[in-house]
Amino acid sequence: MTEHAVPILLSRDLNETLAFYEALGFENRGTPPDDWDYLIIGRGHIELHFVGDPSVDPLSSASMCYLYVDDATALHEQWRHAVTPDAATGSRIEEPVDTDYGMREFAVVDRNGNLLRVGSPL
């Protein structure tokens, strides 16, 4: 087995979280969220876990992770229409930028306040 890590992020509503990520092409890889109050989703080799916590304040959540992808620009183009900015939750997608450390990156903030940085090498 190849070693890997999986982030466990917070979700105030697992069904809402599942719907948000399904719009980005993720699929539920576990049981229905209500079975365990836990959600496992995946897209290709990316896997994210979420634990239910109705007390999550999406405007102050500090959970984050980095997703390495083959082409950040192409993925941003796919996702930009699926993420609707929402001032109440801070949900948004930011434009890709080239970094001084050799990555093309963009950011997505989900409806729980989780920050996903997405990048590919320049």
Protein backbone atom coordinates (compact mmCIF):
# COMPACT_ATOMS: atom_id res chain seq x y z
CA MET A 1 0.00 0.00 0.00
CA THR A 2 1.26 3.47 -0.87
CA GLU A 3 1.29 5.81 2.10
CA HIS A 4 -0.91 8.89 1.91
CA ALA A 5 -2.76 11.34 4.13
CA VAL A 6 -6.39 12.37 4.04
CA PRO A 7 -7.58 15.65 5.55
CA ILE A 8 -10.61 15.54 7.82
CA LEU A 9 -12.49 18.80 7.46
CA LEU A 10 -15.48 20.17 9.36
CA SER A 11 -19.00 20.39 7.98
CA ARG A 12 -22.01 22.09 9.53
CA ASP A 13 -24.30 20.13 7.18
CA LEU A 14 -22.92 17.00 5.52
CA ASN A 15 -25.67 16.78 2.90
CA GLU A 16 -25.05 20.39 1.85
CA THR A 17 -21.31 19.64 1.76
CA LEU A 18 -21.90 16.60 -0.43
CA ALA A 19 -24.02 18.64 -2.86
CA PHE A 20 -21.34 21.38 -3.05
CA TYR A 21 -18.58 18.91 -3.87
CA GLU A 22 -20.71 16.83 -6.24
CA ALA A 23 -21.03 20.00 -8.35
CA LEU A 24 -17.20 19.95 -8.53
CA GLY A 25 -17.14 16.35 -9.76
CA PHE A 26 -16.59 14.56 -6.44
CA GLU A 27 -18.56 11.44 -5.53
CA ASN A 28 -19.63 9.93 -2.23
CA ARG A 29 -17.29 7.02 -1.49
CA GLY A 30 -18.77 6.12 1.88
CA THR A 31 -22.19 5.56 3.35
CA PRO A 32 -24.91 8.23 3.27
CA PRO A 33 -23.76 11.10 5.54
CA ASP A 34 -26.58 10.54 8.04
CA ASP A 35 -25.39 6.97 8.79
CA TRP A 36 -22.18 7.97 10.61
CA ASP A 37 -22.36 11.79 10.70
CA TYR A 38 -19.28 11.45 8.48
CA LEU A 39 -18.66 11.93 4.77
CA ILE A 40 -16.00 10.45 2.49
CA ILE A 41 -15.77 11.93 -1.00
CA GLY A 42 -13.37 11.48 -3.87
CA ARG A 43 -12.46 12.70 -7.31
CA GLY A 44 -9.81 10.70 -9.11
CA HIS A 45 -6.99 10.15 -6.59
CA ILE A 46 -8.17 13.00 -4.32
CA GLU A 47 -10.02 11.96 -1.18
CA LEU A 48 -11.53 14.29 1.43
CA HIS A 49 -13.27 13.38 4.67
CA PHE A 50 -15.74 15.55 6.60
CA VAL A 51 -17.07 15.19 10.11
CA GLY A 52 -20.39 16.74 11.06
CA ASP A 53 -20.27 19.69 13.45
CA PRO A 54 -23.36 21.92 13.39
CA SER A 55 -21.53 24.58 15.43
CA VAL A 56 -19.13 25.38 12.56
CA ASP A 57 -19.02 29.09 11.79
CA PRO A 58 -18.16 29.21 8.07
CA LEU A 59 -16.78 32.74 8.37
CA SER A 60 -14.17 31.73 10.94
CA SER A 61 -13.26 28.13 10.09
CA ALA A 62 -9.52 27.58 9.79
CA SER A 63 -9.55 24.14 8.12
CA MET A 64 -7.58 23.90 4.93
CA CYS A 65 -5.79 21.49 2.61
CA TYR A 66 -3.77 21.52 -0.61
CA LEU A 67 -4.82 19.57 -3.71
CA TYR A 68 -2.11 18.78 -6.25
CA VAL A 69 -3.64 18.42 -9.71
CA ASP A 70 -2.32 17.97 -13.25
CA ASP A 71 -3.68 21.27 -14.62
CA ALA A 72 -4.92 23.92 -12.20
CA THR A 73 -6.00 26.26 -15.00
CA ALA A 74 -8.22 23.63 -16.66
CA LEU A 75 -9.71 22.56 -13.33
CA HIS A 76 -10.46 26.17 -12.39
CA GLU A 77 -12.27 26.55 -15.71
CA GLN A 78 -14.41 23.49 -14.87
CA TRP A 79 -15.15 24.61 -11.31
CA ARG A 80 -15.66 28.36 -11.69
CA HIS A 81 -19.29 28.04 -12.76
CA ALA A 82 -20.08 25.52 -10.01
CA VAL A 83 -19.01 27.75 -7.09
CA THR A 84 -21.44 30.56 -6.42
CA PRO A 85 -20.03 33.26 -4.13
CA ASP A 86 -22.02 33.47 -0.92
CA ALA A 87 -21.35 36.33 1.52
CA ALA A 88 -23.16 34.52 4.35
CA THR A 89 -20.73 31.57 4.25
CA GLY A 90 -17.71 33.14 2.54
CA SER A 91 -17.93 30.50 -0.20
CA ARG A 92 -16.01 31.53 -3.31
CA ILE A 93 -13.46 30.59 -5.94
CA GLU A 94 -10.45 32.77 -6.70
CA GLU A 95 -8.62 33.23 -9.99
CA PRO A 96 -5.45 31.21 -10.68
CA VAL A 97 -2.09 32.88 -10.08
CA ASP A 98 1.51 31.91 -10.77
CA THR A 99 3.51 31.75 -7.55
CA ASP A 100 7.17 32.54 -6.96
CA TYR A 101 7.60 28.93 -5.79
CA GLY A 102 6.73 27.50 -9.21
CA MET A 103 3.07 26.61 -8.92
CA ARG A 104 -0.09 27.71 -10.73
CA GLU A 105 -2.70 27.96 -7.95
CA PHE A 106 -6.24 28.95 -7.15
CA ALA A 107 -8.35 28.73 -4.02
CA VAL A 108 -11.85 27.50 -3.25
CA VAL A 109 -13.65 28.20 0.01
CA ASP A 110 -16.60 25.88 0.60
CA ARG A 111 -19.84 26.69 2.44
CA ASN A 112 -18.23 25.54 5.74
CA GLY A 113 -15.30 27.93 5.48
CA ASN A 114 -12.83 25.18 4.48
CA LEU A 115 -10.05 26.52 2.24
CA LEU A 116 -8.85 24.28 -0.58
CA ARG A 117 -5.72 25.49 -2.35
CA VAL A 118 -5.40 23.81 -5.72
CA GLY A 119 -2.19 23.81 -7.69
CA SER A 120 -0.04 22.33 -10.43
CA PRO A 121 3.63 22.89 -11.30
CA LEU A 122 4.34 25.65 -13.82
